[in-house]
Amino acid sequence: MVEQKVTIKNVTGLDLLPAGNLCNTAMRFRSSVTFSYAGGSANAKSILSVLGSTISCGDEITLHCEGPDEEEALAAMVEAVDEGLGE
């Protein structure tokens, strides 16, 4: 398993569009992709789980990837968050 902390930079946090982009990125990989935050954890491949996390701009999350392509998954997830998740 690999993990990395990232800070959500987009103004709206993980609302519908950024959450969808986060899920789309995670679903490209066979590895399990989750994230933890102050209030718990979420499955990054589930739009309902991501939206339920109520992550705001400036919140820090820890991405966790585990599986056959975990390194690539983590790199793609970190890049997506750093680029603002499509906003």
N, C-alpha and C. Protein backbone atom coordinates (compact mmCIF):
# COMPACT_ATOMS: atom_id res chain seq x y z
N MET A 1 0.85 -1.19 0.00
CA MET A 1 0.00 0.00 0.00
C MET A 1 0.89 1.24 0.00
N VAL A 2 0.46 2.23 -0.76
CA VAL A 2 1.14 3.52 -0.81
C VAL A 2 0.14 4.59 -0.42
N GLU A 3 0.64 5.66 0.14
CA GLU A 3 -0.25 6.75 0.54
C GLU A 3 0.49 8.07 0.49
N GLN A 4 -0.30 9.14 0.38
CA GLN A 4 0.27 10.49 0.36
C GLN A 4 -0.79 11.50 0.78
N LYS A 5 -0.36 12.49 1.55
CA LYS A 5 -1.25 13.57 1.96
C LYS A 5 -1.30 14.62 0.86
N VAL A 6 -2.49 15.15 0.62
CA VAL A 6 -2.69 16.23 -0.34
C VAL A 6 -3.69 17.21 0.24
N THR A 7 -3.64 18.44 -0.24
CA THR A 7 -4.58 19.46 0.19
C THR A 7 -5.50 19.80 -0.97
N ILE A 8 -6.80 19.82 -0.71
CA ILE A 8 -7.78 20.16 -1.73
C ILE A 8 -7.67 21.65 -2.01
N LYS A 9 -7.40 22.00 -3.28
CA LYS A 9 -7.12 23.38 -3.64
C LYS A 9 -8.28 24.10 -4.31
N ASN A 10 -9.20 23.34 -4.92
CA ASN A 10 -10.27 24.00 -5.66
C ASN A 10 -11.26 24.66 -4.72
N VAL A 11 -11.81 25.77 -5.13
CA VAL A 11 -12.64 26.63 -4.31
C VAL A 11 -13.88 25.92 -3.75
N THR A 12 -14.47 25.05 -4.54
CA THR A 12 -15.72 24.41 -4.11
C THR A 12 -15.51 23.13 -3.31
N GLY A 13 -14.27 22.74 -3.07
CA GLY A 13 -14.01 21.49 -2.36
C GLY A 13 -14.43 20.32 -3.24
N LEU A 14 -14.90 19.25 -2.61
CA LEU A 14 -15.31 18.07 -3.37
C LEU A 14 -16.81 18.07 -3.59
N ASP A 15 -17.30 19.08 -4.34
CA ASP A 15 -18.71 19.06 -4.73
C ASP A 15 -18.84 18.21 -5.99
N LEU A 16 -19.94 18.26 -6.69
CA LEU A 16 -20.26 17.28 -7.73
C LEU A 16 -19.21 17.15 -8.84
N LEU A 17 -18.81 18.23 -9.48
CA LEU A 17 -17.86 18.13 -10.58
C LEU A 17 -16.50 17.60 -10.13
N PRO A 18 -15.87 18.20 -9.10
CA PRO A 18 -14.58 17.68 -8.67
C PRO A 18 -14.68 16.24 -8.13
N ALA A 19 -15.76 15.93 -7.44
CA ALA A 19 -15.93 14.56 -6.92
C ALA A 19 -16.03 13.58 -8.08
N GLY A 20 -16.76 13.95 -9.12
CA GLY A 20 -16.87 13.09 -10.29
C GLY A 20 -15.53 12.89 -10.97
N ASN A 21 -14.75 13.95 -11.07
CA ASN A 21 -13.41 13.84 -11.67
C ASN A 21 -12.49 12.99 -10.83
N LEU A 22 -12.59 13.11 -9.50
CA LEU A 22 -11.79 12.28 -8.61
C LEU A 22 -12.16 10.81 -8.79
N CYS A 23 -13.45 10.51 -8.83
CA CYS A 23 -13.92 9.14 -9.03
C CYS A 23 -13.49 8.60 -10.39
N ASN A 24 -13.62 9.39 -11.44
CA ASN A 24 -13.21 8.94 -12.77
C ASN A 24 -11.73 8.60 -12.82
N THR A 25 -10.93 9.39 -12.15
CA THR A 25 -9.49 9.10 -12.09
C THR A 25 -9.25 7.80 -11.35
N ALA A 26 -9.89 7.62 -10.21
CA ALA A 26 -9.69 6.41 -9.40
C ALA A 26 -10.15 5.15 -10.15
N MET A 27 -11.22 5.25 -10.91
CA MET A 27 -11.78 4.08 -11.59
C MET A 27 -10.92 3.60 -12.77
N ARG A 28 -9.94 4.37 -13.16
CA ARG A 28 -9.05 3.94 -14.24
C ARG A 28 -8.10 2.84 -13.79
N PHE A 29 -8.04 2.59 -12.49
CA PHE A 29 -7.05 1.67 -11.94
C PHE A 29 -7.71 0.46 -11.27
N ARG A 30 -6.99 -0.66 -11.29
CA ARG A 30 -7.49 -1.88 -10.64
C ARG A 30 -7.31 -1.82 -9.12
N SER A 31 -6.38 -1.03 -8.66
CA SER A 31 -6.10 -0.92 -7.23
C SER A 31 -7.28 -0.32 -6.47
N SER A 32 -7.36 -0.65 -5.21
CA SER A 32 -8.30 0.00 -4.30
C SER A 32 -7.79 1.42 -4.05
N VAL A 33 -8.68 2.40 -4.17
CA VAL A 33 -8.30 3.80 -3.94
C VAL A 33 -9.26 4.39 -2.93
N THR A 34 -8.73 4.77 -1.78
CA THR A 34 -9.53 5.38 -0.73
C THR A 34 -8.81 6.63 -0.24
N PHE A 35 -9.51 7.42 0.57
CA PHE A 35 -8.83 8.53 1.24
C PHE A 35 -9.40 8.68 2.64
N SER A 36 -8.53 9.15 3.52
CA SER A 36 -8.96 9.41 4.89
C SER A 36 -8.88 10.91 5.13
N TYR A 37 -9.70 11.37 6.05
CA TYR A 37 -9.79 12.79 6.38
C TYR A 37 -10.19 12.89 7.84
N ALA A 38 -10.29 14.09 8.35
CA ALA A 38 -10.56 14.29 9.78
C ALA A 38 -11.82 13.58 10.26
N GLY A 39 -12.83 13.46 9.40
CA GLY A 39 -14.08 12.84 9.82
C GLY A 39 -14.23 11.37 9.51
N GLY A 40 -13.25 10.75 8.87
CA GLY A 40 -13.36 9.33 8.55
C GLY A 40 -12.61 8.96 7.30
N SER A 41 -13.23 8.09 6.49
CA SER A 41 -12.60 7.65 5.24
C SER A 41 -13.66 7.49 4.17
N ALA A 42 -13.21 7.46 2.91
CA ALA A 42 -14.14 7.37 1.79
C ALA A 42 -13.52 6.52 0.68
N ASN A 43 -14.37 5.85 -0.07
CA ASN A 43 -13.98 5.10 -1.24
C ASN A 43 -13.92 6.08 -2.41
N ALA A 44 -12.75 6.29 -2.97
CA ALA A 44 -12.59 7.27 -4.05
C ALA A 44 -13.25 6.84 -5.35
N LYS A 45 -13.70 5.59 -5.44
CA LYS A 45 -14.38 5.10 -6.64
C LYS A 45 -15.89 5.22 -6.53
N SER A 46 -16.38 5.73 -5.41
CA SER A 46 -17.82 5.88 -5.18
C SER A 46 -18.19 7.35 -5.06
N ILE A 47 -18.98 7.84 -6.01
CA ILE A 47 -19.36 9.26 -5.99
C ILE A 47 -20.11 9.60 -4.71
N LEU A 48 -20.97 8.70 -4.22
CA LEU A 48 -21.71 8.98 -3.00
C LEU A 48 -20.78 9.04 -1.79
N SER A 49 -19.80 8.18 -1.76
CA SER A 49 -18.84 8.19 -0.66
C SER A 49 -18.02 9.48 -0.67
N VAL A 50 -17.59 9.91 -1.85
CA VAL A 50 -16.79 11.13 -1.96
C VAL A 50 -17.63 12.35 -1.58
N LEU A 51 -18.84 12.44 -2.12
CA LEU A 51 -19.72 13.57 -1.79
C LEU A 51 -20.06 13.59 -0.30
N GLY A 52 -20.23 12.42 0.29
CA GLY A 52 -20.56 12.33 1.71
C GLY A 52 -19.44 12.77 2.63
N SER A 53 -18.23 12.84 2.10
CA SER A 53 -17.10 13.24 2.93
C SER A 53 -17.12 14.73 3.26
N THR A 54 -17.86 15.51 2.48
CA THR A 54 -17.99 16.96 2.65
C THR A 54 -16.64 17.68 2.83
N ILE A 55 -15.70 17.35 1.95
CA ILE A 55 -14.38 17.96 1.98
C ILE A 55 -14.46 19.36 1.36
N SER A 56 -13.85 20.33 2.04
CA SER A 56 -13.86 21.73 1.60
C SER A 56 -12.48 22.15 1.11
N CYS A 57 -12.43 23.30 0.48
CA CYS A 57 -11.17 23.89 0.05
C CYS A 57 -10.24 24.05 1.26
N GLY A 58 -9.00 23.63 1.09
CA GLY A 58 -8.02 23.75 2.17
C GLY A 58 -7.94 22.54 3.07
N ASP A 59 -8.90 21.61 2.96
CA ASP A 59 -8.86 20.40 3.78
C ASP A 59 -7.75 19.47 3.29
N GLU A 60 -7.12 18.79 4.22
CA GLU A 60 -6.08 17.82 3.89
C GLU A 60 -6.67 16.42 3.95
N ILE A 61 -6.38 15.63 2.92
CA ILE A 61 -6.79 14.24 2.90
C ILE A 61 -5.55 13.38 2.67
N THR A 62 -5.63 12.12 3.05
CA THR A 62 -4.56 11.18 2.77
C THR A 62 -5.09 10.14 1.80
N LEU A 63 -4.50 10.10 0.62
CA LEU A 63 -4.87 9.13 -0.40
C LEU A 63 -4.18 7.80 -0.10
N HIS A 64 -4.92 6.69 -0.23
CA HIS A 64 -4.39 5.35 0.00
C HIS A 64 -4.68 4.51 -1.24
N CYS A 65 -3.66 3.89 -1.80
CA CYS A 65 -3.84 3.01 -2.96
C CYS A 65 -3.20 1.67 -2.65
N GLU A 66 -3.93 0.60 -2.98
CA GLU A 66 -3.41 -0.73 -2.72
C GLU A 66 -3.83 -1.66 -3.84
N GLY A 67 -2.85 -2.28 -4.47
CA GLY A 67 -3.15 -3.21 -5.55
C GLY A 67 -2.04 -3.26 -6.58
N PRO A 68 -2.32 -3.92 -7.71
CA PRO A 68 -1.27 -4.16 -8.71
C PRO A 68 -0.73 -2.90 -9.39
N ASP A 69 -1.51 -1.85 -9.45
CA ASP A 69 -1.05 -0.61 -10.09
C ASP A 69 -1.10 0.57 -9.11
N GLU A 70 -0.79 0.28 -7.85
CA GLU A 70 -0.94 1.29 -6.80
C GLU A 70 -0.07 2.52 -7.00
N GLU A 71 1.16 2.34 -7.47
CA GLU A 71 2.06 3.48 -7.67
C GLU A 71 1.50 4.43 -8.73
N GLU A 72 1.05 3.87 -9.84
CA GLU A 72 0.48 4.68 -10.91
C GLU A 72 -0.81 5.35 -10.46
N ALA A 73 -1.62 4.61 -9.71
CA ALA A 73 -2.88 5.17 -9.21
C ALA A 73 -2.62 6.36 -8.30
N LEU A 74 -1.68 6.21 -7.38
CA LEU A 74 -1.39 7.30 -6.45
C LEU A 74 -0.87 8.52 -7.20
N ALA A 75 0.02 8.31 -8.16
CA ALA A 75 0.57 9.44 -8.93
C ALA A 75 -0.54 10.16 -9.67
N ALA A 76 -1.46 9.42 -10.28
CA ALA A 76 -2.56 10.04 -11.02
C ALA A 76 -3.51 10.78 -10.09
N MET A 77 -3.79 10.22 -8.93
CA MET A 77 -4.69 10.86 -7.97
C MET A 77 -4.09 12.16 -7.44
N VAL A 78 -2.81 12.12 -7.09
CA VAL A 78 -2.14 13.32 -6.59
C VAL A 78 -2.12 14.40 -7.67
N GLU A 79 -1.83 14.01 -8.91
CA GLU A 79 -1.82 14.97 -10.01
C GLU A 79 -3.20 15.59 -10.21
N ALA A 80 -4.24 14.77 -10.16
CA ALA A 80 -5.61 15.28 -10.33
C ALA A 80 -5.96 16.30 -9.25
N VAL A 81 -5.62 16.00 -8.01
CA VAL A 81 -5.91 16.94 -6.91
C VAL A 81 -5.08 18.21 -7.08
N ASP A 82 -3.81 18.06 -7.40
CA ASP A 82 -2.94 19.23 -7.57
C ASP A 82 -3.41 20.14 -8.70
N GLU A 83 -4.04 19.55 -9.72
CA GLU A 83 -4.52 20.34 -10.85
C GLU A 83 -5.93 20.89 -10.63
N GLY A 84 -6.51 20.68 -9.46
CA GLY A 84 -7.80 21.28 -9.14
C GLY A 84 -9.01 20.46 -9.51
N LEU A 85 -8.82 19.19 -9.89
CA LEU A 85 -9.95 18.29 -10.18
C LEU A 85 -10.90 18.85 -11.23
N GLY A 86 -10.34 19.48 -12.24
CA GLY A 86 -11.16 19.93 -13.36
C GLY A 86 -11.84 21.27 -13.20
N GLU A 87 -11.56 21.98 -12.16
CA GLU A 87 -12.18 23.30 -11.97
C GLU A 87 -11.24 24.40 -12.44
